[in-house]
Amino acid sequence: MTLAKRIIPCLDVDNGRVVKGVHFADVKDAGDPVELAKKYSEQGADELVFLDITASQQGRDTMKNVVRKVASVIDIPFTVGGGIKKLEDARDILLSGADKVSINTAAVKTPELITRLMEIFGRQCVVVAIDAKRIYTKGAAKGKTMFRDKKGRYWFEVMIYGGKEGTGLDAVKWAEKAESLGAGEILLTSIDADGTENGYDVELTGAICKAVNIPVIASGGCGKASHMRDVFEKADVDAALAASIFHYEKSTVDKVKRYLKRSGIKIRA
């Protein structure tokens, strides 16, 4: 049975405001998180993702007051990430109204945290976010999942601290490990595609989808509804996350859903 695909708007929040950048840089204001969350919920979004994008690199906690305000105006599943470093952080976020917690930097730094979160809150609550960047190499990199295009051979490196620091980890293999440790879902963002509005990285997304047996959310690069169609058809991803297309009102969630239905994609009502 084919599960219905999900459409998930993303709120990247910095200092209480929704922002949007390109390649994780040059961020610009995009609005109030509470107003946008309410609008997307009313438009028929299946879920919402809230990422406090500077919490980890600034060494601070996620803004729980903003999370509470967002949770109060929506009635759809709500994932929150950014600055979650320990069990107590996750508990606070869930008590503030989130349904799931997303960890990225902390998952890499302390992999056992994935397992502890799964044991206490349940696998369905644990989202491991992977920010991946394309790394070209002259030869086959030892222990890496290699790809090839016109420029040559490359692999995808896991980046942390909001894309500021490399880890040396292969994204495909890290996704497999995250699943084995207890992740219930992978939120996969292509840094190369982020903010470009040129489409998702179908190759990276497809490789991760084949490597794991848990749901994968594609993120980074959506500029129009056809990009979602492409990633659903070519990578068989479970959900498509987008920001710019909705924040700047190039389309709405309900319009995107109607387009996908006409295109033969099974989506939630």
C-alpha atoms as a PDB file:
ATOM      1  CA  MET A   1       0.000   0.000   0.000  1.00  0.00           C
ATOM      2  CA  THR A   2       1.327   3.419  -0.985  1.00  0.00           C
ATOM      3  CA  LEU A   3       1.163   5.900   1.860  1.00  0.00           C
ATOM      4  CA  ALA A   4      -0.119   9.395   1.138  1.00  0.00           C
ATOM      5  CA  LYS A   5       2.612  11.978   0.738  1.00  0.00           C
ATOM      6  CA  ARG A   6       2.890  14.913   3.146  1.00  0.00           C
ATOM      7  CA  ILE A   7       3.383  18.629   2.473  1.00  0.00           C
ATOM      8  CA  ILE A   8       5.260  20.372   5.289  1.00  0.00           C
ATOM      9  CA  PRO A   9       5.917  24.125   5.492  1.00  0.00           C
ATOM     10  CA  CYS A  10       9.080  25.015   7.416  1.00  0.00           C
ATOM     11  CA  LEU A  11       9.621  27.931   9.750  1.00  0.00           C
ATOM     12  CA  ASP A  12      13.337  28.733  10.106  1.00  0.00           C
ATOM     13  CA  VAL A  13      13.338  31.023  13.124  1.00  0.00           C
ATOM     14  CA  ASP A  14      16.074  33.421  14.231  1.00  0.00           C
ATOM     15  CA  ASN A  15      15.516  35.767  17.201  1.00  0.00           C
ATOM     16  CA  GLY A  16      11.772  35.186  17.100  1.00  0.00           C
ATOM     17  CA  ARG A  17      11.282  35.890  13.387  1.00  0.00           C
ATOM     18  CA  VAL A  18      10.935  33.548  10.414  1.00  0.00           C
ATOM     19  CA  VAL A  19      13.884  33.964   8.049  1.00  0.00           C
ATOM     20  CA  LYS A  20      14.981  32.455   4.748  1.00  0.00           C
ATOM     21  CA  GLY A  21      18.427  32.304   3.207  1.00  0.00           C
ATOM     22  CA  VAL A  22      20.404  30.680   0.398  1.00  0.00           C
ATOM     23  CA  HIS A  23      22.859  27.859   1.119  1.00  0.00           C
ATOM     24  CA  PHE A  24      22.246  28.505   4.845  1.00  0.00           C
ATOM     25  CA  ALA A  25      23.512  32.116   4.508  1.00  0.00           C
ATOM     26  CA  ASP A  26      22.287  35.644   3.614  1.00  0.00           C
ATOM     27  CA  VAL A  27      19.101  35.240   5.624  1.00  0.00           C
ATOM     28  CA  LYS A  28      16.231  37.690   5.201  1.00  0.00           C
ATOM     29  CA  ASP A  29      13.129  38.291   7.276  1.00  0.00           C
ATOM     30  CA  ALA A  30      10.066  36.374   6.108  1.00  0.00           C
ATOM     31  CA  GLY A  31       7.468  37.076   8.779  1.00  0.00           C
ATOM     32  CA  ASP A  32       5.991  36.239  12.163  1.00  0.00           C
ATOM     33  CA  PRO A  33       6.119  32.515  13.066  1.00  0.00           C
ATOM     34  CA  VAL A  34       2.731  32.471  14.800  1.00  0.00           C
ATOM     35  CA  GLU A  35       0.924  34.200  11.928  1.00  0.00           C
ATOM     36  CA  LEU A  36       2.555  31.976   9.313  1.00  0.00           C
ATOM     37  CA  ALA A  37       1.916  28.784  11.291  1.00  0.00           C
ATOM     38  CA  LYS A  38      -1.775  29.621  11.614  1.00  0.00           C
ATOM     39  CA  LYS A  39      -2.036  30.428   7.908  1.00  0.00           C
ATOM     40  CA  TYR A  40      -0.350  27.197   6.791  1.00  0.00           C
ATOM     41  CA  SER A  41      -2.473  25.099   9.130  1.00  0.00           C
ATOM     42  CA  GLU A  42      -5.636  26.672   7.730  1.00  0.00           C
ATOM     43  CA  GLN A  43      -4.398  26.070   4.163  1.00  0.00           C
ATOM     44  CA  GLY A  44      -4.189  22.332   4.813  1.00  0.00           C
ATOM     45  CA  ALA A  45      -0.555  21.686   5.715  1.00  0.00           C
ATOM     46  CA  ASP A  46      -0.080  18.103   6.904  1.00  0.00           C
ATOM     47  CA  GLU A  47       2.587  19.024   9.443  1.00  0.00           C
ATOM     48  CA  LEU A  48       4.738  21.963  10.436  1.00  0.00           C
ATOM     49  CA  VAL A  49       8.479  22.111  11.158  1.00  0.00           C
ATOM     50  CA  PHE A  50       9.946  24.857  13.370  1.00  0.00           C
ATOM     51  CA  LEU A  51      13.745  25.152  13.389  1.00  0.00           C
ATOM     52  CA  ASP A  52      15.538  27.598  15.667  1.00  0.00           C
ATOM     53  CA  ILE A  53      18.427  27.884  13.225  1.00  0.00           C
ATOM     54  CA  THR A  54      20.942  29.716  15.413  1.00  0.00           C
ATOM     55  CA  ALA A  55      20.330  27.995  18.770  1.00  0.00           C
ATOM     56  CA  SER A  56      23.076  25.367  18.383  1.00  0.00           C
ATOM     57  CA  GLN A  57      25.796  27.687  17.099  1.00  0.00           C
ATOM     58  CA  GLN A  58      24.915  30.271  19.765  1.00  0.00           C
ATOM     59  CA  GLY A  59      24.893  27.601  22.459  1.00  0.00           C
ATOM     60  CA  ARG A  60      21.414  28.462  23.720  1.00  0.00           C
ATOM     61  CA  ASP A  61      18.078  26.722  24.169  1.00  0.00           C
ATOM     62  CA  THR A  62      15.212  26.791  21.683  1.00  0.00           C
ATOM     63  CA  MET A  63      12.771  29.651  22.234  1.00  0.00           C
ATOM     64  CA  LYS A  64      10.078  27.768  24.128  1.00  0.00           C
ATOM     65  CA  ASN A  65       7.763  30.785  24.386  1.00  0.00           C
ATOM     66  CA  VAL A  66       7.563  31.032  20.596  1.00  0.00           C
ATOM     67  CA  VAL A  67       7.013  27.271  20.358  1.00  0.00           C
ATOM     68  CA  ARG A  68       4.093  27.534  22.800  1.00  0.00           C
ATOM     69  CA  LYS A  69       2.518  30.372  20.817  1.00  0.00           C
ATOM     70  CA  VAL A  70       2.813  28.447  17.550  1.00  0.00           C
ATOM     71  CA  ALA A  71       1.395  25.270  19.104  1.00  0.00           C
ATOM     72  CA  SER A  72      -1.612  27.226  20.368  1.00  0.00           C
ATOM     73  CA  VAL A  73      -2.763  28.252  16.885  1.00  0.00           C
ATOM     74  CA  ILE A  74      -2.363  24.972  14.958  1.00  0.00           C
ATOM     75  CA  ASP A  75      -3.961  21.534  15.102  1.00  0.00           C
ATOM     76  CA  ILE A  76      -1.471  19.545  13.012  1.00  0.00           C
ATOM     77  CA  PRO A  77       1.663  17.582  13.986  1.00  0.00           C
ATOM     78  CA  PHE A  78       4.459  19.945  14.939  1.00  0.00           C
ATOM     79  CA  THR A  79       8.203  19.204  14.881  1.00  0.00           C
ATOM     80  CA  VAL A  80      10.666  21.486  16.672  1.00  0.00           C
ATOM     81  CA  GLY A  81      14.451  21.522  16.373  1.00  0.00           C
ATOM     82  CA  GLY A  82      17.429  23.695  17.216  1.00  0.00           C
ATOM     83  CA  GLY A  83      19.438  23.775  20.415  1.00  0.00           C
ATOM     84  CA  ILE A  84      18.196  20.440  21.758  1.00  0.00           C
ATOM     85  CA  LYS A  85      21.244  18.958  23.467  1.00  0.00           C
ATOM     86  CA  LYS A  86      19.847  16.656  26.171  1.00  0.00           C
ATOM     87  CA  LEU A  87      16.739  14.789  27.322  1.00  0.00           C
ATOM     88  CA  GLU A  88      15.527  17.702  29.427  1.00  0.00           C
ATOM     89  CA  ASP A  89      15.601  20.007  26.393  1.00  0.00           C
ATOM     90  CA  ALA A  90      13.467  17.574  24.414  1.00  0.00           C
ATOM     91  CA  ARG A  91      11.031  17.158  27.322  1.00  0.00           C
ATOM     92  CA  ASP A  92      10.636  20.930  27.616  1.00  0.00           C
ATOM     93  CA  ILE A  93       9.937  21.258  23.903  1.00  0.00           C
ATOM     94  CA  LEU A  94       7.354  18.460  23.941  1.00  0.00           C
ATOM     95  CA  LEU A  95       5.684  19.993  27.009  1.00  0.00           C
ATOM     96  CA  SER A  96       5.612  23.322  25.159  1.00  0.00           C
ATOM     97  CA  GLY A  97       3.364  21.774  22.504  1.00  0.00           C
ATOM     98  CA  ALA A  98       5.607  20.009  19.992  1.00  0.00           C
ATOM     99  CA  ASP A  99       4.736  16.486  18.818  1.00  0.00           C
ATOM    100  CA  LYS A 100       8.271  15.612  17.699  1.00  0.00           C
ATOM    101  CA  VAL A 101      11.788  16.864  18.345  1.00  0.00           C
ATOM    102  CA  SER A 102      14.446  17.238  15.684  1.00  0.00           C
ATOM    103  CA  ILE A 103      18.136  16.884  16.516  1.00  0.00           C
ATOM    104  CA  ASN A 104      21.095  17.431  14.229  1.00  0.00           C
ATOM    105  CA  THR A 105      24.271  18.714  15.881  1.00  0.00           C
ATOM    106  CA  ALA A 106      23.485  16.895  19.141  1.00  0.00           C
ATOM    107  CA  ALA A 107      22.827  13.645  17.271  1.00  0.00           C
ATOM    108  CA  VAL A 108      26.288  13.792  15.689  1.00  0.00           C
ATOM    109  CA  LYS A 109      28.045  14.877  18.878  1.00  0.00           C
ATOM    110  CA  THR A 110      26.155  12.458  21.144  1.00  0.00           C
ATOM    111  CA  PRO A 111      24.674   9.615  19.042  1.00  0.00           C
ATOM    112  CA  GLU A 112      23.383   7.792  22.132  1.00  0.00           C
ATOM    113  CA  LEU A 113      20.964  10.698  22.631  1.00  0.00           C
ATOM    114  CA  ILE A 114      18.946   9.335  19.692  1.00  0.00           C
ATOM    115  CA  THR A 115      18.488   6.041  21.511  1.00  0.00           C
ATOM    116  CA  ARG A 116      17.642   7.675  24.848  1.00  0.00           C
ATOM    117  CA  LEU A 117      15.018   9.891  23.222  1.00  0.00           C
ATOM    118  CA  MET A 118      13.504   6.883  21.466  1.00  0.00           C
ATOM    119  CA  GLU A 119      13.387   4.847  24.688  1.00  0.00           C
ATOM    120  CA  ILE A 120      11.699   7.595  26.697  1.00  0.00           C
ATOM    121  CA  PHE A 121       9.449   9.380  24.207  1.00  0.00           C
ATOM    122  CA  GLY A 122       8.976   6.754  21.488  1.00  0.00           C
ATOM    123  CA  ARG A 123      10.519   6.403  18.040  1.00  0.00           C
ATOM    124  CA  GLN A 124       7.704   8.419  16.472  1.00  0.00           C
ATOM    125  CA  CYS A 125       8.885  11.510  18.395  1.00  0.00           C
ATOM    126  CA  VAL A 126      12.502  11.385  17.221  1.00  0.00           C
ATOM    127  CA  VAL A 127      13.491  13.174  14.011  1.00  0.00           C
ATOM    128  CA  VAL A 128      17.159  13.213  13.035  1.00  0.00           C
ATOM    129  CA  ALA A 129      17.910  16.168  10.779  1.00  0.00           C
ATOM    130  CA  ILE A 130      20.752  15.765   8.297  1.00  0.00           C
ATOM    131  CA  ASP A 131      22.213  18.806   6.557  1.00  0.00           C
ATOM    132  CA  ALA A 132      24.335  17.502   3.688  1.00  0.00           C
ATOM    133  CA  LYS A 133      26.826  19.207   1.393  1.00  0.00           C
ATOM    134  CA  ARG A 134      28.270  17.902  -1.859  1.00  0.00           C
ATOM    135  CA  ILE A 135      32.031  17.259  -1.684  1.00  0.00           C
ATOM    136  CA  TYR A 136      33.927  16.676  -4.942  1.00  0.00           C
ATOM    137  CA  THR A 137      36.968  14.422  -4.969  1.00  0.00           C
ATOM    138  CA  LYS A 138      39.487  13.472  -7.642  1.00  0.00           C
ATOM    139  CA  GLY A 139      39.236   9.796  -6.769  1.00  0.00           C
ATOM    140  CA  ALA A 140      37.011   7.453  -4.828  1.00  0.00           C
ATOM    141  CA  ALA A 141      36.940   8.639  -1.200  1.00  0.00           C
ATOM    142  CA  LYS A 142      37.519   5.722   1.149  1.00  0.00           C
ATOM    143  CA  GLY A 143      34.397   4.625   2.988  1.00  0.00           C
ATOM    144  CA  LYS A 144      32.138   7.145   1.250  1.00  0.00           C
ATOM    145  CA  THR A 145      29.024   6.626  -0.869  1.00  0.00           C
ATOM    146  CA  MET A 146      30.161   7.957  -4.230  1.00  0.00           C
ATOM    147  CA  PHE A 147      28.186   9.645  -7.005  1.00  0.00           C
ATOM    148  CA  ARG A 148      29.231  11.049 -10.369  1.00  0.00           C
ATOM    149  CA  ASP A 149      28.163  13.894 -12.615  1.00  0.00           C
ATOM    150  CA  LYS A 150      29.754  15.952 -15.404  1.00  0.00           C
ATOM    151  CA  LYS A 151      32.118  17.609 -12.925  1.00  0.00           C
ATOM    152  CA  GLY A 152      33.383  14.333 -11.526  1.00  0.00           C
ATOM    153  CA  ARG A 153      32.949  12.154  -8.472  1.00  0.00           C
ATOM    154  CA  TYR A 154      31.498  13.339  -5.191  1.00  0.00           C
ATOM    155  CA  TRP A 155      29.937  12.330  -1.882  1.00  0.00           C
ATOM    156  CA  PHE A 156      27.713  14.094   0.645  1.00  0.00           C
ATOM    157  CA  GLU A 157      29.145  15.285   3.960  1.00  0.00           C
ATOM    158  CA  VAL A 158      27.031  15.795   7.084  1.00  0.00           C
ATOM    159  CA  MET A 159      27.321  19.398   8.320  1.00  0.00           C
ATOM    160  CA  ILE A 160      26.490  20.672  11.815  1.00  0.00           C
ATOM    161  CA  TYR A 161      26.052  23.975  13.648  1.00  0.00           C
ATOM    162  CA  GLY A 162      23.684  25.312  10.999  1.00  0.00           C
ATOM    163  CA  GLY A 163      25.871  24.132   8.130  1.00  0.00           C
ATOM    164  CA  LYS A 164      28.956  25.918   9.491  1.00  0.00           C
ATOM    165  CA  GLU A 165      31.075  22.879  10.421  1.00  0.00           C
ATOM    166  CA  GLY A 166      31.910  19.672   8.553  1.00  0.00           C
ATOM    167  CA  THR A 167      31.958  16.298  10.275  1.00  0.00           C
ATOM    168  CA  GLY A 168      33.590  13.945   7.774  1.00  0.00           C
ATOM    169  CA  LEU A 169      30.481  11.765   8.048  1.00  0.00           C
ATOM    170  CA  ASP A 170      28.957  10.281   4.907  1.00  0.00           C
ATOM    171  CA  ALA A 171      25.301  11.380   4.799  1.00  0.00           C
ATOM    172  CA  VAL A 172      23.954   8.076   3.472  1.00  0.00           C
ATOM    173  CA  LYS A 173      25.777   6.002   6.079  1.00  0.00           C
ATOM    174  CA  TRP A 174      24.898   8.436   8.865  1.00  0.00           C
ATOM    175  CA  ALA A 175      21.214   8.081   7.942  1.00  0.00           C
ATOM    176  CA  GLU A 176      21.529   4.305   8.249  1.00  0.00           C
ATOM    177  CA  LYS A 177      23.201   4.649  11.638  1.00  0.00           C
ATOM    178  CA  ALA A 178      20.613   7.148  12.875  1.00  0.00           C
ATOM    179  CA  GLU A 179      17.863   4.676  12.018  1.00  0.00           C
ATOM    180  CA  SER A 180      19.669   1.871  13.846  1.00  0.00           C
ATOM    181  CA  LEU A 181      20.028   4.091  16.917  1.00  0.00           C
ATOM    182  CA  GLY A 182      16.309   4.810  17.090  1.00  0.00           C
ATOM    183  CA  ALA A 183      15.407   7.657  14.724  1.00  0.00           C
ATOM    184  CA  GLY A 184      11.800   7.535  13.610  1.00  0.00           C
ATOM    185  CA  GLU A 185      12.241   9.920  10.704  1.00  0.00           C
ATOM    186  CA  ILE A 186      14.976  11.682   8.705  1.00  0.00           C
ATOM    187  CA  LEU A 187      14.716  15.368   7.821  1.00  0.00           C
ATOM    188  CA  LEU A 188      17.162  15.683   4.935  1.00  0.00           C
ATOM    189  CA  THR A 189      18.309  19.101   3.723  1.00  0.00           C
ATOM    190  CA  SER A 190      20.603  19.670   0.767  1.00  0.00           C
ATOM    191  CA  ILE A 191      22.739  22.708   1.596  1.00  0.00           C
ATOM    192  CA  ASP A 192      23.659  23.020  -2.084  1.00  0.00           C
ATOM    193  CA  ALA A 193      19.998  23.308  -3.070  1.00  0.00           C
ATOM    194  CA  ASP A 194      18.839  25.343  -0.059  1.00  0.00           C
ATOM    195  CA  GLY A 195      17.136  28.591  -1.044  1.00  0.00           C
ATOM    196  CA  THR A 196      17.994  28.251  -4.732  1.00  0.00           C
ATOM    197  CA  GLU A 197      14.397  27.393  -5.724  1.00  0.00           C
ATOM    198  CA  ASN A 198      15.869  25.178  -8.466  1.00  0.00           C
ATOM    199  CA  GLY A 199      14.464  21.930  -7.111  1.00  0.00           C
ATOM    200  CA  TYR A 200      15.356  19.318  -4.530  1.00  0.00           C
ATOM    201  CA  ASP A 201      18.518  17.230  -4.749  1.00  0.00           C
ATOM    202  CA  VAL A 202      16.777  14.150  -6.103  1.00  0.00           C
ATOM    203  CA  GLU A 203      19.959  12.075  -6.223  1.00  0.00           C
ATOM    204  CA  LEU A 204      20.834  12.627  -2.559  1.00  0.00           C
ATOM    205  CA  THR A 205      17.228  12.177  -1.463  1.00  0.00           C
ATOM    206  CA  GLY A 206      16.787   8.997  -3.471  1.00  0.00           C
ATOM    207  CA  ALA A 207      19.984   7.505  -2.042  1.00  0.00           C
ATOM    208  CA  ILE A 208      18.848   8.176   1.535  1.00  0.00           C
ATOM    209  CA  CYS A 209      15.361   6.796   0.851  1.00  0.00           C
ATOM    210  CA  LYS A 210      16.861   3.560  -0.468  1.00  0.00           C
ATOM    211  CA  ALA A 211      19.223   3.275   2.488  1.00  0.00           C
ATOM    212  CA  VAL A 212      16.645   3.494   5.287  1.00  0.00           C
ATOM    213  CA  ASN A 213      13.255   2.030   6.141  1.00  0.00           C
ATOM    214  CA  ILE A 214      11.918   5.035   8.040  1.00  0.00           C
ATOM    215  CA  PRO A 215      10.151   8.077   6.540  1.00  0.00           C
ATOM    216  CA  VAL A 216      12.339  10.699   4.869  1.00  0.00           C
ATOM    217  CA  ILE A 217      11.420  14.376   4.483  1.00  0.00           C
ATOM    218  CA  ALA A 218      13.050  16.146   1.514  1.00  0.00           C
ATOM    219  CA  SER A 219      14.192  19.720   2.150  1.00  0.00           C
ATOM    220  CA  GLY A 220      16.096  22.378   0.248  1.00  0.00           C
ATOM    221  CA  GLY A 221      15.455  23.867  -3.173  1.00  0.00           C
ATOM    222  CA  CYS A 222      11.692  23.924  -3.677  1.00  0.00           C
ATOM    223  CA  GLY A 223      10.657  26.828  -5.882  1.00  0.00           C
ATOM    224  CA  LYS A 224       7.426  25.510  -7.399  1.00  0.00           C
ATOM    225  CA  ALA A 225       4.937  22.687  -7.083  1.00  0.00           C
ATOM    226  CA  SER A 226       6.536  20.680  -9.897  1.00  0.00           C
ATOM    227  CA  HIS A 227       9.676  20.341  -7.779  1.00  0.00           C
ATOM    228  CA  MET A 228       7.608  18.472  -5.190  1.00  0.00           C
ATOM    229  CA  ARG A 229       6.151  16.264  -7.902  1.00  0.00           C
ATOM    230  CA  ASP A 230       9.657  15.467  -9.136  1.00  0.00           C
ATOM    231  CA  VAL A 231      11.028  14.500  -5.732  1.00  0.00           C
ATOM    232  CA  PHE A 232       7.982  12.343  -4.990  1.00  0.00           C
ATOM    233  CA  GLU A 233       8.185  10.576  -8.333  1.00  0.00           C
ATOM    234  CA  LYS A 234      11.957  10.235  -8.699  1.00  0.00           C
ATOM    235  CA  ALA A 235      13.081   9.708  -5.102  1.00  0.00           C
ATOM    236  CA  ASP A 236       9.920   8.174  -3.603  1.00  0.00           C
ATOM    237  CA  VAL A 237      10.367  10.383  -0.561  1.00  0.00           C
ATOM    238  CA  ASP A 238       7.646  10.401   2.104  1.00  0.00           C
ATOM    239  CA  ALA A 239       7.233  14.155   2.538  1.00  0.00           C
ATOM    240  CA  ALA A 240       8.305  17.424   0.948  1.00  0.00           C
ATOM    241  CA  LEU A 241       9.277  20.371   3.109  1.00  0.00           C
ATOM    242  CA  ALA A 242       9.294  23.888   1.688  1.00  0.00           C
ATOM    243  CA  ALA A 243       9.677  27.469   2.840  1.00  0.00           C
ATOM    244  CA  SER A 244      10.215  30.143   0.160  1.00  0.00           C
ATOM    245  CA  ILE A 245       7.333  29.000  -2.047  1.00  0.00           C
ATOM    246  CA  PHE A 246       4.926  29.553   0.864  1.00  0.00           C
ATOM    247  CA  HIS A 247       6.541  32.442   2.764  1.00  0.00           C
ATOM    248  CA  TYR A 248       6.692  34.650  -0.326  1.00  0.00           C
ATOM    249  CA  GLU A 249       3.251  33.496  -1.523  1.00  0.00           C
ATOM    250  CA  LYS A 250       4.407  32.051  -4.812  1.00  0.00           C
ATOM    251  CA  SER A 251       1.840  29.385  -4.050  1.00  0.00           C
ATOM    252  CA  THR A 252      -0.254  28.120  -1.154  1.00  0.00           C
ATOM    253  CA  VAL A 253      -0.431  24.710   0.483  1.00  0.00           C
ATOM    254  CA  ASP A 254      -3.906  24.005  -0.896  1.00  0.00           C
ATOM    255  CA  LYS A 255      -2.905  25.009  -4.444  1.00  0.00           C
ATOM    256  CA  VAL A 256       0.166  22.772  -4.281  1.00  0.00           C
ATOM    257  CA  LYS A 257      -1.956  19.862  -3.092  1.00  0.00           C
ATOM    258  CA  ARG A 258      -4.436  20.314  -5.923  1.00  0.00           C
ATOM    259  CA  TYR A 259      -1.587  20.361  -8.446  1.00  0.00           C
ATOM    260  CA  LEU A 260      -0.055  17.199  -7.008  1.00  0.00           C
ATOM    261  CA  LYS A 261      -3.409  15.408  -7.070  1.00  0.00           C
ATOM    262  CA  ARG A 262      -3.833  16.312 -10.745  1.00  0.00           C
ATOM    263  CA  SER A 263      -0.306  14.985 -11.321  1.00  0.00           C
ATOM    264  CA  GLY A 264      -1.261  11.605  -9.900  1.00  0.00           C
ATOM    265  CA  ILE A 265       0.528  11.955  -6.556  1.00  0.00           C
ATOM    266  CA  LYS A 266      -1.349  10.427  -3.653  1.00  0.00           C
ATOM    267  CA  ILE A 267      -1.444  13.062  -0.931  1.00  0.00           C
ATOM    268  CA  ARG A 268      -3.361  13.581   2.271  1.00  0.00           C
ATOM    269  CA  ALA A 269      -6.718  15.315   2.023  1.00  0.00           C
END
